[in-house]
Amino acid sequence: KSAKSTTATNKRSKGFTAEEKAAMKERAKELKAEKSRAEGEEDLLAKIAEMKGSDRTMAKRVHEIVKATAPDLVPRTWYGMPAYRNEDDKVVCFFKSAGKFKSRYATLGFNDAANLDAGNMWPTEFALKKLTPAEEKKVSALVKKAVS
């Protein structure tokens, strides 16, 4: 590489962002704390309460949908985000607010514990700008499939 392109690369790559570092610190705290289902849900609801505007509104609604669709999933936080784990303590799905990492949209994400496999390629995160009844139906279907 030329000196110019190496310098440009170094300016762009400064390691983890402050938001990423905060998420890692939150995850370390989560790993140290063993919590009951009720305490996990309390933490999750506290994280939702910290969100602003549409992030908070969508996170509340996603929480309601997940609880109704997959009552066996256990609410908790994961890297400081609302998440839901299965009986094997594996996070199945999570809500990432737009404000957490200064994104232009929130996402509903699924980890490898989710049964969403569809051939050789499938989405694992879905952008959320607004939750209308149509999107709520899609979220419910995805969660139902994820735990099937």
Protein backbone atom coordinates (compact mmCIF):
# COMPACT_ATOMS: atom_id res chain seq x y z
CA LYS A 1 0.00 0.00 0.00
CA SER A 2 1.07 3.54 -0.55
CA ALA A 3 1.79 5.76 2.45
CA LYS A 4 -1.27 7.84 1.56
CA SER A 5 -3.71 4.89 1.59
CA THR A 6 -2.22 3.48 4.82
CA THR A 7 -2.66 6.84 6.54
CA ALA A 8 -6.26 7.07 5.36
CA THR A 9 -6.95 3.56 6.67
CA ASN A 10 -5.44 4.41 10.06
CA LYS A 11 -7.60 7.52 10.37
CA ARG A 12 -10.76 5.48 9.74
CA SER A 13 -9.90 2.58 12.06
CA LYS A 14 -9.45 3.76 15.64
CA GLY A 15 -10.74 0.65 17.37
CA PHE A 16 -14.06 0.34 19.12
CA THR A 17 -16.45 3.27 19.32
CA ALA A 18 -17.55 4.60 22.69
CA GLU A 19 -20.94 2.94 22.12
CA GLU A 20 -19.32 -0.42 21.36
CA LYS A 21 -17.12 -0.17 24.46
CA ALA A 22 -20.18 0.63 26.59
CA ALA A 23 -22.02 -2.38 25.17
CA MET A 24 -19.07 -4.65 25.99
CA LYS A 25 -18.96 -3.33 29.57
CA GLU A 26 -22.70 -3.98 29.91
CA ARG A 27 -22.21 -7.53 28.62
CA ALA A 28 -19.45 -8.17 31.18
CA LYS A 29 -21.82 -7.07 33.97
CA GLU A 30 -24.58 -9.30 32.57
CA LEU A 31 -22.28 -12.33 32.58
CA LYS A 32 -21.38 -11.79 36.24
CA ALA A 33 -24.99 -11.49 37.40
CA GLU A 34 -27.26 -14.51 37.64
CA LYS A 35 -30.81 -13.25 37.55
CA SER A 36 -34.25 -14.72 37.81
CA ARG A 37 -36.76 -14.39 34.97
CA ALA A 38 -38.46 -11.49 36.81
CA GLU A 39 -35.13 -9.69 37.40
CA GLY A 40 -34.17 -10.20 33.75
CA GLU A 41 -37.45 -8.71 32.59
CA GLU A 42 -37.03 -5.83 35.03
CA ASP A 43 -33.60 -5.07 33.52
CA LEU A 44 -35.03 -5.34 30.00
CA LEU A 45 -37.87 -2.93 30.80
CA ALA A 46 -35.39 -0.49 32.38
CA LYS A 47 -33.36 -0.50 29.15
CA ILE A 48 -36.52 0.14 27.14
CA ALA A 49 -37.40 3.03 29.48
CA GLU A 50 -33.99 4.62 28.73
CA MET A 51 -34.75 4.68 24.99
CA LYS A 52 -36.19 7.72 23.31
CA GLY A 53 -39.09 8.28 20.94
CA SER A 54 -39.90 5.62 18.37
CA ASP A 55 -37.15 3.32 19.68
CA ARG A 56 -38.97 3.09 23.02
CA THR A 57 -42.37 2.66 21.38
CA MET A 58 -41.14 -0.11 19.07
CA ALA A 59 -39.16 -1.88 21.82
CA LYS A 60 -42.21 -1.95 24.08
CA ARG A 61 -44.33 -3.40 21.30
CA VAL A 62 -41.68 -5.97 20.30
CA HIS A 63 -41.51 -7.03 23.96
CA GLU A 64 -45.29 -7.52 24.04
CA ILE A 65 -45.20 -9.50 20.78
CA VAL A 66 -42.36 -11.78 21.90
CA LYS A 67 -44.03 -12.46 25.27
CA ALA A 68 -47.32 -13.32 23.57
CA THR A 69 -45.82 -15.35 20.71
CA ALA A 70 -43.07 -17.21 22.59
CA PRO A 71 -43.85 -17.20 26.32
CA ASP A 72 -41.08 -19.76 27.00
CA LEU A 73 -38.39 -17.29 25.94
CA VAL A 74 -36.81 -15.59 28.95
CA PRO A 75 -36.46 -11.78 28.81
CA ARG A 76 -33.03 -10.36 29.65
CA THR A 77 -30.51 -7.83 28.46
CA TRP A 78 -27.69 -8.74 26.10
CA TYR A 79 -24.97 -6.17 25.49
CA GLY A 80 -27.41 -3.77 27.11
CA MET A 81 -30.15 -4.51 24.58
CA PRO A 82 -33.55 -6.13 25.20
CA ALA A 83 -33.16 -9.81 24.32
CA TYR A 84 -34.88 -13.15 24.76
CA ARG A 85 -33.13 -16.44 25.54
CA ASN A 86 -34.18 -20.05 25.25
CA GLU A 87 -33.95 -22.85 27.83
CA ASP A 88 -30.30 -23.44 26.80
CA ASP A 89 -29.47 -19.84 27.81
CA LYS A 90 -28.90 -18.90 24.15
CA VAL A 91 -30.17 -15.56 22.92
CA VAL A 92 -32.73 -16.20 20.20
CA CYS A 93 -33.68 -12.62 19.36
CA PHE A 94 -32.91 -9.05 20.39
CA PHE A 95 -33.96 -5.46 19.76
CA LYS A 96 -31.25 -2.96 18.87
CA SER A 97 -32.42 0.64 19.15
CA ALA A 98 -31.27 3.16 16.57
CA GLY A 99 -29.94 5.34 19.39
CA LYS A 100 -27.67 2.64 20.83
CA PHE A 101 -25.15 2.79 17.99
CA LYS A 102 -26.38 6.01 16.35
CA SER A 103 -27.96 4.15 13.43
CA ARG A 104 -30.69 5.48 11.20
CA TYR A 105 -33.05 2.63 12.13
CA ALA A 106 -33.65 0.11 14.89
CA THR A 107 -33.30 -3.61 14.20
CA LEU A 108 -34.86 -6.85 15.30
CA GLY A 109 -32.09 -9.42 15.26
CA PHE A 110 -31.91 -13.20 15.51
CA ASN A 111 -28.95 -15.29 16.61
CA ASP A 112 -28.02 -18.78 15.49
CA ALA A 113 -30.28 -20.29 18.17
CA ALA A 114 -33.23 -19.08 16.08
CA ASN A 115 -34.70 -21.60 13.63
CA LEU A 116 -34.90 -19.23 10.68
CA ASP A 117 -32.74 -21.28 8.30
CA ALA A 118 -33.94 -21.02 4.72
CA GLY A 119 -31.61 -22.75 2.28
CA ASN A 120 -28.07 -21.47 2.15
CA MET A 121 -28.79 -17.82 2.96
CA TRP A 122 -31.31 -15.89 5.09
CA PRO A 123 -31.55 -12.58 6.93
CA THR A 124 -30.69 -12.41 10.62
CA GLU A 125 -31.55 -8.74 11.26
CA PHE A 126 -34.51 -6.72 10.12
CA ALA A 127 -34.60 -2.93 9.96
CA LEU A 128 -37.48 -1.31 11.83
CA LYS A 129 -38.53 2.25 11.14
CA LYS A 130 -42.12 1.88 12.32
CA LEU A 131 -44.31 -0.94 13.63
CA THR A 132 -47.68 -0.97 11.92
CA PRO A 133 -50.05 -3.94 12.26
CA ALA A 134 -48.45 -5.42 9.10
CA GLU A 135 -44.95 -5.32 10.60
CA GLU A 136 -46.24 -6.59 13.95
CA LYS A 137 -47.67 -9.61 12.12
CA LYS A 138 -44.28 -10.21 10.45
CA VAL A 139 -42.45 -9.90 13.80
CA SER A 140 -44.83 -12.38 15.37
CA ALA A 141 -44.34 -14.85 12.50
CA LEU A 142 -40.54 -14.52 12.68
CA VAL A 143 -40.49 -15.09 16.44
CA LYS A 144 -42.85 -18.07 16.08
CA LYS A 145 -40.59 -19.60 13.43
CA ALA A 146 -37.46 -18.81 15.45
CA VAL A 147 -38.67 -20.91 18.39
CA SER A 148 -40.20 -23.74 16.32
